[in-house]
Structures are given as structure tokens and as C-alpha cells.
Amino acid sequence: MIELSHAAVKRAICEMHSKPLLKMGHPLDNVPDELDLLQEGIIDSLGVLELITQLEQRFQINVDLERLPAEQLTVLGPLSQHVAEFSTRAGAGAGNIEPSSSDL
């Protein structure tokens, strides 16, 4: 099974929200880990759920949110690290699913 990296998850989140990030002056390759997506208006409360769903679909994983403190759920760095560390591949044959090279 391929493990996700913090950088791959962070890059995916930034790509998903590229327009508002760029509008706020954040180049996608240099978004700070401390950026709170909710507080900065990048996503709203529904956007949190959409973001988790998009990550699960993109990487074909199940995100375990029980281990992530609620106050870190929308902070880019902690969320990216958590998804990379505490996600499990979905489905019986998911261990054979390779993320694309842009996801590594």
C-alpha cells in the first residue's frame, strides 16, 4: 500500500481551492500550514464536509476524524498531516490502487 504524504494532501487541498487562495494572494506552492481555511473564508461549514469527501474520493481513502482535534479540522497543515497519517485505504482491493504521480 502506498502511503500518502503531507505534501501530497496539502497540494490536493490547495488545488481544490485554488481560486480563493490565489484571490487572497497565496501562491499554491507556498500556502502556509497555519492557514485556517474556514476562518479565512476559503470554505464554509458545508465546505468542510465537501473537502473531506473530496479527499476521500481523490485518494480513495477513509479519513479518520476521531483523532483530529476539532480546532485543527480546518487548518491546512494539521489537516494535511492528519489525513496522510490516519487515513486507511477504502475497499477490499484498495491496497492495489495507486494514486497518480501528482498525488505523491
PDB file of N, CA and C in Angstrom:
ATOM      1  N   MET A   1       0.841  -1.176   0.000  1.00  0.00           N
ATOM      2  CA  MET A   1       0.000   0.000   0.000  1.00  0.00           C
ATOM      3  C   MET A   1       0.889   1.242   0.000  1.00  0.00           C
ATOM      4  N   ILE A   2       0.517   2.221  -0.813  1.00  0.00           N
ATOM      5  CA  ILE A   2       1.249   3.478  -0.889  1.00  0.00           C
ATOM      6  C   ILE A   2       0.753   4.398   0.217  1.00  0.00           C
ATOM      7  N   GLU A   3       1.681   4.987   0.928  1.00  0.00           N
ATOM      8  CA  GLU A   3       1.304   5.928   1.973  1.00  0.00           C
ATOM      9  C   GLU A   3       1.207   7.325   1.388  1.00  0.00           C
ATOM     10  N   LEU A   4       0.249   8.088   1.878  1.00  0.00           N
ATOM     11  CA  LEU A   4       0.107   9.476   1.469  1.00  0.00           C
ATOM     12  C   LEU A   4       1.123  10.324   2.206  1.00  0.00           C
ATOM     13  N   SER A   5       1.578  11.360   1.557  1.00  0.00           N
ATOM     14  CA  SER A   5       2.470  12.302   2.229  1.00  0.00           C
ATOM     15  C   SER A   5       1.688  13.563   2.584  1.00  0.00           C
ATOM     16  N   HIS A   6       2.186  14.249   3.587  1.00  0.00           N
ATOM     17  CA  HIS A   6       1.620  15.534   3.994  1.00  0.00           C
ATOM     18  C   HIS A   6       1.590  16.481   2.799  1.00  0.00           C
ATOM     19  N   ALA A   7       2.678  16.524   2.041  1.00  0.00           N
ATOM     20  CA  ALA A   7       2.784  17.436   0.889  1.00  0.00           C
ATOM     21  C   ALA A   7       1.746  17.118  -0.178  1.00  0.00           C
ATOM     22  N   ALA A   8       1.496  15.821  -0.432  1.00  0.00           N
ATOM     23  CA  ALA A   8       0.515  15.430  -1.451  1.00  0.00           C
ATOM     24  C   ALA A   8      -0.892  15.850  -1.044  1.00  0.00           C
ATOM     25  N   VAL A   9      -1.216  15.666   0.215  1.00  0.00           N
ATOM     26  CA  VAL A   9      -2.549  16.043   0.702  1.00  0.00           C
ATOM     27  C   VAL A   9      -2.695  17.559   0.681  1.00  0.00           C
ATOM     28  N   LYS A  10      -1.679  18.267   1.139  1.00  0.00           N
ATOM     29  CA  LYS A  10      -1.722  19.728   1.144  1.00  0.00           C
ATOM     30  C   LYS A  10      -1.872  20.268  -0.273  1.00  0.00           C
ATOM     31  N   ARG A  11      -1.117  19.711  -1.196  1.00  0.00           N
ATOM     32  CA  ARG A  11      -1.194  20.138  -2.600  1.00  0.00           C
ATOM     33  C   ARG A  11      -2.606  19.907  -3.144  1.00  0.00           C
ATOM     34  N   ALA A  12      -3.200  18.763  -2.819  1.00  0.00           N
ATOM     35  CA  ALA A  12      -4.558  18.459  -3.286  1.00  0.00           C
ATOM     36  C   ALA A  12      -5.565  19.469  -2.734  1.00  0.00           C
ATOM     37  N   ILE A  13      -5.454  19.780  -1.460  1.00  0.00           N
ATOM     38  CA  ILE A  13      -6.365  20.754  -0.852  1.00  0.00           C
ATOM     39  C   ILE A  13      -6.207  22.114  -1.520  1.00  0.00           C
ATOM     40  N   CYS A  14      -4.980  22.515  -1.751  1.00  0.00           N
ATOM     41  CA  CYS A  14      -4.728  23.807  -2.389  1.00  0.00           C
ATOM     42  C   CYS A  14      -5.260  23.832  -3.817  1.00  0.00           C
ATOM     43  N   GLU A  15      -5.115  22.736  -4.540  1.00  0.00           N
ATOM     44  CA  GLU A  15      -5.642  22.664  -5.907  1.00  0.00           C
ATOM     45  C   GLU A  15      -7.163  22.745  -5.908  1.00  0.00           C
ATOM     46  N   MET A  16      -7.799  22.098  -4.942  1.00  0.00           N
ATOM     47  CA  MET A  16      -9.259  22.109  -4.863  1.00  0.00           C
ATOM     48  C   MET A  16      -9.798  23.510  -4.596  1.00  0.00           C
ATOM     49  N   HIS A  17      -8.990  24.318  -3.934  1.00  0.00           N
ATOM     50  CA  HIS A  17      -9.425  25.662  -3.544  1.00  0.00           C
ATOM     51  C   HIS A  17      -8.513  26.734  -4.143  1.00  0.00           C
ATOM     52  N   SER A  18      -8.036  26.480  -5.338  1.00  0.00           N
ATOM     53  CA  SER A  18      -7.053  27.374  -5.954  1.00  0.00           C
ATOM     54  C   SER A  18      -7.577  28.785  -6.186  1.00  0.00           C
ATOM     55  N   LYS A  19      -8.795  28.919  -6.664  1.00  0.00           N
ATOM     56  CA  LYS A  19      -9.313  30.263  -6.973  1.00  0.00           C
ATOM     57  C   LYS A  19      -9.349  31.169  -5.748  1.00  0.00           C
ATOM     58  N   PRO A  20      -9.988  30.731  -4.642  1.00  0.00           N
ATOM     59  CA  PRO A  20      -9.997  31.636  -3.487  1.00  0.00           C
ATOM     60  C   PRO A  20      -8.604  31.846  -2.883  1.00  0.00           C
ATOM     61  N   LEU A  21      -7.750  30.830  -2.921  1.00  0.00           N
ATOM     62  CA  LEU A  21      -6.401  31.000  -2.385  1.00  0.00           C
ATOM     63  C   LEU A  21      -5.617  32.030  -3.195  1.00  0.00           C
ATOM     64  N   LEU A  22      -5.692  31.921  -4.520  1.00  0.00           N
ATOM     65  CA  LEU A  22      -4.988  32.876  -5.378  1.00  0.00           C
ATOM     66  C   LEU A  22      -5.566  34.276  -5.220  1.00  0.00           C
ATOM     67  N   LYS A  23      -6.880  34.360  -5.092  1.00  0.00           N
ATOM     68  CA  LYS A  23      -7.532  35.654  -4.902  1.00  0.00           C
ATOM     69  C   LYS A  23      -7.048  36.336  -3.617  1.00  0.00           C
ATOM     70  N   MET A  24      -6.737  35.514  -2.603  1.00  0.00           N
ATOM     71  CA  MET A  24      -6.255  36.052  -1.327  1.00  0.00           C
ATOM     72  C   MET A  24      -4.746  36.303  -1.345  1.00  0.00           C
ATOM     73  N   GLY A  25      -4.098  36.016  -2.475  1.00  0.00           N
ATOM     74  CA  GLY A  25      -2.673  36.280  -2.593  1.00  0.00           C
ATOM     75  C   GLY A  25      -1.768  35.152  -2.136  1.00  0.00           C
ATOM     76  N   HIS A  26      -2.295  33.939  -2.079  1.00  0.00           N
ATOM     77  CA  HIS A  26      -1.497  32.783  -1.673  1.00  0.00           C
ATOM     78  C   HIS A  26      -1.101  31.971  -2.904  1.00  0.00           C
ATOM     79  N   PRO A  27       0.173  32.027  -3.326  1.00  0.00           N
ATOM     80  CA  PRO A  27       0.599  31.143  -4.415  1.00  0.00           C
ATOM     81  C   PRO A  27       0.429  29.694  -3.957  1.00  0.00           C
ATOM     82  N   LEU A  28      -0.070  28.838  -4.837  1.00  0.00           N
ATOM     83  CA  LEU A  28      -0.422  27.476  -4.437  1.00  0.00           C
ATOM     84  C   LEU A  28       0.756  26.663  -3.921  1.00  0.00           C
ATOM     85  N   ASP A  29       1.957  27.000  -4.340  1.00  0.00           N
ATOM     86  CA  ASP A  29       3.132  26.258  -3.871  1.00  0.00           C
ATOM     87  C   ASP A  29       3.721  26.844  -2.592  1.00  0.00           C
ATOM     88  N   ASN A  30       3.036  27.843  -2.019  1.00  0.00           N
ATOM     89  CA  ASN A  30       3.577  28.489  -0.823  1.00  0.00           C
ATOM     90  C   ASN A  30       2.473  28.898   0.150  1.00  0.00           C
ATOM     91  N   VAL A  31       1.465  28.070   0.304  1.00  0.00           N
ATOM     92  CA  VAL A  31       0.385  28.359   1.249  1.00  0.00           C
ATOM     93  C   VAL A  31       0.853  27.909   2.633  1.00  0.00           C
ATOM     94  N   PRO A  32       0.776  28.787   3.620  1.00  0.00           N
ATOM     95  CA  PRO A  32       1.272  28.423   4.952  1.00  0.00           C
ATOM     96  C   PRO A  32       0.434  27.331   5.617  1.00  0.00           C
ATOM     97  N   ASP A  33       1.104  26.455   6.338  1.00  0.00           N
ATOM     98  CA  ASP A  33       0.420  25.383   7.066  1.00  0.00           C
ATOM     99  C   ASP A  33      -0.557  25.937   8.097  1.00  0.00           C
ATOM    100  N   GLU A  34      -0.316  27.137   8.576  1.00  0.00           N
ATOM    101  CA  GLU A  34      -1.143  27.740   9.619  1.00  0.00           C
ATOM    102  C   GLU A  34      -2.453  28.308   9.096  1.00  0.00           C
ATOM    103  N   LEU A  35      -2.632  28.325   7.780  1.00  0.00           N
ATOM    104  CA  LEU A  35      -3.836  28.910   7.189  1.00  0.00           C
ATOM    105  C   LEU A  35      -5.067  28.119   7.615  1.00  0.00           C
ATOM    106  N   ASP A  36      -6.026  28.814   8.216  1.00  0.00           N
ATOM    107  CA  ASP A  36      -7.294  28.195   8.609  1.00  0.00           C
ATOM    108  C   ASP A  36      -8.282  28.457   7.480  1.00  0.00           C
ATOM    109  N   LEU A  37      -8.633  27.396   6.772  1.00  0.00           N
ATOM    110  CA  LEU A  37      -9.491  27.512   5.602  1.00  0.00           C
ATOM    111  C   LEU A  37     -10.863  28.093   5.931  1.00  0.00           C
ATOM    112  N   LEU A  38     -11.386  27.776   7.092  1.00  0.00           N
ATOM    113  CA  LEU A  38     -12.694  28.266   7.500  1.00  0.00           C
ATOM    114  C   LEU A  38     -12.622  29.733   7.919  1.00  0.00           C
ATOM    115  N   GLN A  39     -11.691  30.066   8.785  1.00  0.00           N
ATOM    116  CA  GLN A  39     -11.574  31.439   9.273  1.00  0.00           C
ATOM    117  C   GLN A  39     -11.210  32.427   8.176  1.00  0.00           C
ATOM    118  N   GLU A  40     -10.467  31.978   7.186  1.00  0.00           N
ATOM    119  CA  GLU A  40     -10.063  32.861   6.086  1.00  0.00           C
ATOM    120  C   GLU A  40     -11.115  32.949   4.985  1.00  0.00           C
ATOM    121  N   GLY A  41     -12.214  32.196   5.127  1.00  0.00           N
ATOM    122  CA  GLY A  41     -13.293  32.261   4.153  1.00  0.00           C
ATOM    123  C   GLY A  41     -13.059  31.445   2.892  1.00  0.00           C
ATOM    124  N   ILE A  42     -12.078  30.554   2.920  1.00  0.00           N
ATOM    125  CA  ILE A  42     -11.811  29.684   1.779  1.00  0.00           C
ATOM    126  C   ILE A  42     -12.936  28.655   1.646  1.00  0.00           C
ATOM    127  N   ILE A  43     -13.389  28.136   2.789  1.00  0.00           N
ATOM    128  CA  ILE A  43     -14.518  27.207   2.828  1.00  0.00           C
ATOM    129  C   ILE A  43     -15.489  27.670   3.915  1.00  0.00           C
ATOM    130  N   ASP A  44     -16.719  27.174   3.829  1.00  0.00           N
ATOM    131  CA  ASP A  44     -17.684  27.424   4.893  1.00  0.00           C
ATOM    132  C   ASP A  44     -17.933  26.104   5.620  1.00  0.00           C
ATOM    133  N   SER A  45     -18.887  26.082   6.514  1.00  0.00           N
ATOM    134  CA  SER A  45     -19.102  24.859   7.302  1.00  0.00           C
ATOM    135  C   SER A  45     -19.481  23.671   6.419  1.00  0.00           C
ATOM    136  N   LEU A  46     -20.256  23.888   5.390  1.00  0.00           N
ATOM    137  CA  LEU A  46     -20.564  22.813   4.455  1.00  0.00           C
ATOM    138  C   LEU A  46     -19.320  22.428   3.663  1.00  0.00           C
ATOM    139  N   GLY A  47     -18.473  23.404   3.397  1.00  0.00           N
ATOM    140  CA  GLY A  47     -17.231  23.158   2.668  1.00  0.00           C
ATOM    141  C   GLY A  47     -16.297  22.209   3.391  1.00  0.00           C
ATOM    142  N   VAL A  48     -16.369  22.169   4.709  1.00  0.00           N
ATOM    143  CA  VAL A  48     -15.549  21.228   5.487  1.00  0.00           C
ATOM    144  C   VAL A  48     -15.926  19.797   5.104  1.00  0.00           C
ATOM    145  N   LEU A  49     -17.210  19.524   5.084  1.00  0.00           N
ATOM    146  CA  LEU A  49     -17.686  18.191   4.712  1.00  0.00           C
ATOM    147  C   LEU A  49     -17.340  17.868   3.263  1.00  0.00           C
ATOM    148  N   GLU A  50     -17.504  18.849   2.394  1.00  0.00           N
ATOM    149  CA  GLU A  50     -17.172  18.649   0.986  1.00  0.00           C
ATOM    150  C   GLU A  50     -15.686  18.362   0.806  1.00  0.00           C
ATOM    151  N   LEU A  51     -14.849  19.066   1.556  1.00  0.00           N
ATOM    152  CA  LEU A  51     -13.403  18.868   1.474  1.00  0.00           C
ATOM    153  C   LEU A  51     -13.021  17.447   1.879  1.00  0.00           C
ATOM    154  N   ILE A  52     -13.563  16.966   2.984  1.00  0.00           N
ATOM    155  CA  ILE A  52     -13.259  15.603   3.443  1.00  0.00           C
ATOM    156  C   ILE A  52     -13.716  14.589   2.400  1.00  0.00           C
ATOM    157  N   THR A  53     -14.914  14.792   1.864  1.00  0.00           N
ATOM    158  CA  THR A  53     -15.434  13.884   0.832  1.00  0.00           C
ATOM    159  C   THR A  53     -14.539  13.899  -0.404  1.00  0.00           C
ATOM    160  N   GLN A  54     -14.106  15.077  -0.831  1.00  0.00           N
ATOM    161  CA  GLN A  54     -13.230  15.185  -1.999  1.00  0.00           C
ATOM    162  C   GLN A  54     -11.894  14.485  -1.760  1.00  0.00           C
ATOM    163  N   LEU A  55     -11.331  14.634  -0.572  1.00  0.00           N
ATOM    164  CA  LEU A  55     -10.069  13.965  -0.261  1.00  0.00           C
ATOM    165  C   LEU A  55     -10.247  12.451  -0.265  1.00  0.00           C
ATOM    166  N   GLU A  56     -11.340  11.988   0.326  1.00  0.00           N
ATOM    167  CA  GLU A  56     -11.595  10.547   0.350  1.00  0.00           C
ATOM    168  C   GLU A  56     -11.742   9.992  -1.064  1.00  0.00           C
ATOM    169  N   GLN A  57     -12.422  10.724  -1.922  1.00  0.00           N
ATOM    170  CA  GLN A  57     -12.608  10.262  -3.297  1.00  0.00           C
ATOM    171  C   GLN A  57     -11.310  10.344  -4.094  1.00  0.00           C
ATOM    172  N   ARG A  58     -10.595  11.426  -3.961  1.00  0.00           N
ATOM    173  CA  ARG A  58      -9.366  11.611  -4.737  1.00  0.00           C
ATOM    174  C   ARG A  58      -8.318  10.557  -4.410  1.00  0.00           C
ATOM    175  N   PHE A  59      -8.125  10.287  -3.128  1.00  0.00           N
ATOM    176  CA  PHE A  59      -7.091   9.349  -2.707  1.00  0.00           C
ATOM    177  C   PHE A  59      -7.642   7.952  -2.421  1.00  0.00           C
ATOM    178  N   GLN A  60      -8.947   7.773  -2.579  1.00  0.00           N
ATOM    179  CA  GLN A  60      -9.620   6.503  -2.314  1.00  0.00           C
ATOM    180  C   GLN A  60      -9.268   5.979  -0.923  1.00  0.00           C
ATOM    181  N   ILE A  61      -9.596   6.806   0.056  1.00  0.00           N
ATOM    182  CA  ILE A  61      -9.300   6.528   1.460  1.00  0.00           C
ATOM    183  C   ILE A  61     -10.537   6.778   2.303  1.00  0.00           C
ATOM    184  N   ASN A  62     -10.454   6.381   3.549  1.00  0.00           N
ATOM    185  CA  ASN A  62     -11.421   6.763   4.575  1.00  0.00           C
ATOM    186  C   ASN A  62     -10.659   7.609   5.588  1.00  0.00           C
ATOM    187  N   VAL A  63     -11.123   8.819   5.817  1.00  0.00           N
ATOM    188  CA  VAL A  63     -10.454   9.724   6.742  1.00  0.00           C
ATOM    189  C   VAL A  63     -10.999   9.499   8.145  1.00  0.00           C
ATOM    190  N   ASP A  64     -10.107   9.228   9.089  1.00  0.00           N
ATOM    191  CA  ASP A  64     -10.472   9.027  10.492  1.00  0.00           C
ATOM    192  C   ASP A  64     -10.392  10.374  11.209  1.00  0.00           C
ATOM    193  N   LEU A  65     -11.548  10.996  11.428  1.00  0.00           N
ATOM    194  CA  LEU A  65     -11.577  12.317  12.050  1.00  0.00           C
ATOM    195  C   LEU A  65     -11.622  12.272  13.570  1.00  0.00           C
ATOM    196  N   GLU A  66     -11.739  11.087  14.142  1.00  0.00           N
ATOM    197  CA  GLU A  66     -11.824  10.981  15.596  1.00  0.00           C
ATOM    198  C   GLU A  66     -10.531  11.397  16.286  1.00  0.00           C
ATOM    199  N   ARG A  67      -9.409  11.295  15.605  1.00  0.00           N
ATOM    200  CA  ARG A  67      -8.115  11.615  16.208  1.00  0.00           C
ATOM    201  C   ARG A  67      -7.675  13.057  15.981  1.00  0.00           C
ATOM    202  N   LEU A  68      -8.444  13.817  15.221  1.00  0.00           N
ATOM    203  CA  LEU A  68      -8.073  15.197  14.919  1.00  0.00           C
ATOM    204  C   LEU A  68      -8.884  16.151  15.784  1.00  0.00           C
ATOM    205  N   PRO A  69      -8.215  16.984  16.587  1.00  0.00           N
ATOM    206  CA  PRO A  69      -8.949  17.952  17.401  1.00  0.00           C
ATOM    207  C   PRO A  69      -9.784  18.870  16.515  1.00  0.00           C
ATOM    208  N   ALA A  70     -10.990  19.184  16.941  1.00  0.00           N
ATOM    209  CA  ALA A  70     -11.924  19.980  16.147  1.00  0.00           C
ATOM    210  C   ALA A  70     -11.323  21.309  15.714  1.00  0.00           C
ATOM    211  N   GLU A  71     -10.527  21.934  16.570  1.00  0.00           N
ATOM    212  CA  GLU A  71      -9.957  23.245  16.227  1.00  0.00           C
ATOM    213  C   GLU A  71      -8.894  23.153  15.123  1.00  0.00           C
ATOM    214  N   GLN A  72      -8.440  21.947  14.809  1.00  0.00           N
ATOM    215  CA  GLN A  72      -7.452  21.772  13.748  1.00  0.00           C
ATOM    216  C   GLN A  72      -8.061  21.236  12.450  1.00  0.00           C
ATOM    217  N   LEU A  73      -9.343  20.981  12.461  1.00  0.00           N
ATOM    218  CA  LEU A  73     -10.017  20.373  11.318  1.00  0.00           C
ATOM    219  C   LEU A  73      -9.907  21.220  10.050  1.00  0.00           C
ATOM    220  N   THR A  74      -9.849  22.525  10.189  1.00  0.00           N
ATOM    221  CA  THR A  74      -9.816  23.392   9.010  1.00  0.00           C
ATOM    222  C   THR A  74      -8.476  24.098   8.821  1.00  0.00           C
ATOM    223  N   VAL A  75      -7.479  23.741   9.616  1.00  0.00           N
ATOM    224  CA  VAL A  75      -6.143  24.332   9.478  1.00  0.00           C
ATOM    225  C   VAL A  75      -5.341  23.454   8.515  1.00  0.00           C
ATOM    226  N   LEU A  76      -4.824  24.062   7.463  1.00  0.00           N
ATOM    227  CA  LEU A  76      -4.229  23.338   6.341  1.00  0.00           C
ATOM    228  C   LEU A  76      -3.163  22.324   6.748  1.00  0.00           C
ATOM    229  N   GLY A  77      -2.173  22.732   7.521  1.00  0.00           N
ATOM    230  CA  GLY A  77      -1.079  21.835   7.885  1.00  0.00           C
ATOM    231  C   GLY A  77      -1.522  20.656   8.731  1.00  0.00           C
ATOM    232  N   PRO A  78      -2.170  20.909   9.870  1.00  0.00           N
ATOM    233  CA  PRO A  78      -2.618  19.792  10.702  1.00  0.00           C
ATOM    234  C   PRO A  78      -3.598  18.855   9.976  1.00  0.00           C
ATOM    235  N   LEU A  79      -4.496  19.415   9.174  1.00  0.00           N
ATOM    236  CA  LEU A  79      -5.432  18.573   8.431  1.00  0.00           C
ATOM    237  C   LEU A  79      -4.684  17.703   7.428  1.00  0.00           C
ATOM    238  N   SER A  80      -3.755  18.292   6.690  1.00  0.00           N
ATOM    239  CA  SER A  80      -2.979  17.537   5.696  1.00  0.00           C
ATOM    240  C   SER A  80      -2.186  16.420   6.358  1.00  0.00           C
ATOM    241  N   GLN A  81      -1.529  16.742   7.465  1.00  0.00           N
ATOM    242  CA  GLN A  81      -0.727  15.751   8.178  1.00  0.00           C
ATOM    243  C   GLN A  81      -1.611  14.627   8.708  1.00  0.00           C
ATOM    244  N   HIS A  82      -2.753  15.002   9.265  1.00  0.00           N
ATOM    245  CA  HIS A  82      -3.671  14.014   9.821  1.00  0.00           C
ATOM    246  C   HIS A  82      -4.173  13.067   8.736  1.00  0.00           C
ATOM    247  N   VAL A  83      -4.596  13.622   7.616  1.00  0.00           N
ATOM    248  CA  VAL A  83      -5.098  12.787   6.524  1.00  0.00           C
ATOM    249  C   VAL A  83      -4.008  11.837   6.052  1.00  0.00           C
ATOM    250  N   ALA A  84      -2.787  12.336   5.942  1.00  0.00           N
ATOM    251  CA  ALA A  84      -1.671  11.497   5.495  1.00  0.00           C
ATOM    252  C   ALA A  84      -1.373  10.373   6.491  1.00  0.00           C
ATOM    253  N   GLU A  85      -1.466  10.656   7.774  1.00  0.00           N
ATOM    254  CA  GLU A  85      -1.092   9.681   8.804  1.00  0.00           C
ATOM    255  C   GLU A  85      -2.217   8.736   9.208  1.00  0.00           C
ATOM    256  N   PHE A  86      -3.439   9.218   9.261  1.00  0.00           N
ATOM    257  CA  PHE A  86      -4.526   8.448   9.861  1.00  0.00           C
ATOM    258  C   PHE A  86      -5.632   8.073   8.896  1.00  0.00           C
ATOM    259  N   SER A  87      -5.299   7.926   7.639  1.00  0.00           N
ATOM    260  CA  SER A  87      -6.277   7.503   6.648  1.00  0.00           C
ATOM    261  C   SER A  87      -6.027   6.056   6.287  1.00  0.00           C
ATOM    262  N   THR A  88      -7.082   5.364   5.962  1.00  0.00           N
ATOM    263  CA  THR A  88      -6.958   3.979   5.529  1.00  0.00           C
ATOM    264  C   THR A  88      -7.554   3.850   4.143  1.00  0.00           C
ATOM    265  N   ARG A  89      -6.974   2.959   3.372  1.00  0.00           N
ATOM    266  CA  ARG A  89      -7.475   2.716   2.024  1.00  0.00           C
ATOM    267  C   ARG A  89      -8.865   2.117   2.104  1.00  0.00           C
ATOM    268  N   ALA A  90      -9.758   2.606   1.264  1.00  0.00           N
ATOM    269  CA  ALA A  90     -11.139   2.115   1.234  1.00  0.00           C
ATOM    270  C   ALA A  90     -11.248   0.897   0.332  1.00  0.00           C
ATOM    271  N   GLY A  91     -12.176   0.023   0.651  1.00  0.00           N
ATOM    272  CA  GLY A  91     -12.474  -1.109  -0.211  1.00  0.00           C
ATOM    273  C   GLY A  91     -11.517  -2.262  -0.028  1.00  0.00           C
ATOM    274  N   ALA A  92     -11.954  -3.437  -0.407  1.00  0.00           N
ATOM    275  CA  ALA A  92     -11.164  -4.653  -0.218  1.00  0.00           C
ATOM    276  C   ALA A  92      -9.910  -4.666  -1.055  1.00  0.00           C
ATOM    277  N   GLY A  93      -9.980  -4.199  -2.304  1.00  0.00           N
ATOM    278  CA  GLY A  93      -8.814  -4.233  -3.178  1.00  0.00           C
ATOM    279  C   GLY A  93      -8.089  -2.918  -3.220  1.00  0.00           C
ATOM    280  N   ALA A  94      -8.353  -2.053  -2.299  1.00  0.00           N
ATOM    281  CA  ALA A  94      -7.799  -0.712  -2.360  1.00  0.00           C
ATOM    282  C   ALA A  94      -6.299  -0.676  -2.200  1.00  0.00           C
ATOM    283  N   GLY A  95      -5.715  -1.690  -1.621  1.00  0.00           N
ATOM    284  CA  GLY A  95      -4.264  -1.707  -1.492  1.00  0.00           C
ATOM    285  C   GLY A  95      -3.573  -1.710  -2.835  1.00  0.00           C
ATOM    286  N   ASN A  96      -4.293  -2.077  -3.883  1.00  0.00           N
ATOM    287  CA  ASN A  96      -3.735  -2.096  -5.221  1.00  0.00           C
ATOM    288  C   ASN A  96      -3.950  -0.786  -5.961  1.00  0.00           C
ATOM    289  N   ILE A  97      -4.627   0.155  -5.358  1.00  0.00           N
ATOM    290  CA  ILE A  97      -4.931   1.411  -6.018  1.00  0.00           C
ATOM    291  C   ILE A  97      -3.760   2.359  -5.843  1.00  0.00           C
ATOM    292  N   GLU A  98      -3.226   2.811  -6.937  1.00  0.00           N
ATOM    293  CA  GLU A  98      -2.084   3.703  -6.919  1.00  0.00           C
ATOM    294  C   GLU A  98      -2.569   5.132  -7.148  1.00  0.00           C
ATOM    295  N   PRO A  99      -2.185   6.068  -6.303  1.00  0.00           N
ATOM    296  CA  PRO A  99      -2.506   7.452  -6.597  1.00  0.00           C
ATOM    297  C   PRO A  99      -1.707   7.900  -7.806  1.00  0.00           C
ATOM    298  N   SER A 100      -2.186   8.897  -8.510  1.00  0.00           N
ATOM    299  CA  SER A 100      -1.439   9.391  -9.661  1.00  0.00           C
ATOM    300  C   SER A 100      -0.147  10.013  -9.183  1.00  0.00           C
ATOM    301  N   SER A 101       0.796  10.191 -10.083  1.00  0.00           N
ATOM    302  CA  SER A 101       2.098  10.739  -9.693  1.00  0.00           C
ATOM    303  C   SER A 101       1.965  12.131  -9.124  1.00  0.00           C
ATOM    304  N   SER A 102       0.931  12.887  -9.523  1.00  0.00           N
ATOM    305  CA  SER A 102       0.760  14.215  -8.964  1.00  0.00           C
ATOM    306  C   SER A 102       0.254  14.176  -7.533  1.00  0.00           C
ATOM    307  N   ASP A 103      -0.214  13.021  -7.070  1.00  0.00           N
ATOM    308  CA  ASP A 103      -0.717  12.885  -5.708  1.00  0.00           C
ATOM    309  C   ASP A 103       0.372  12.469  -4.720  1.00  0.00           C
ATOM    310  N   LEU A 104       1.541  12.096  -5.202  1.00  0.00           N
ATOM    311  CA  LEU A 104       2.594  11.602  -4.307  1.00  0.00           C
ATOM    312  C   LEU A 104       3.436  12.710  -3.772  1.00  0.00           C
TER     313      LEU A 104
END
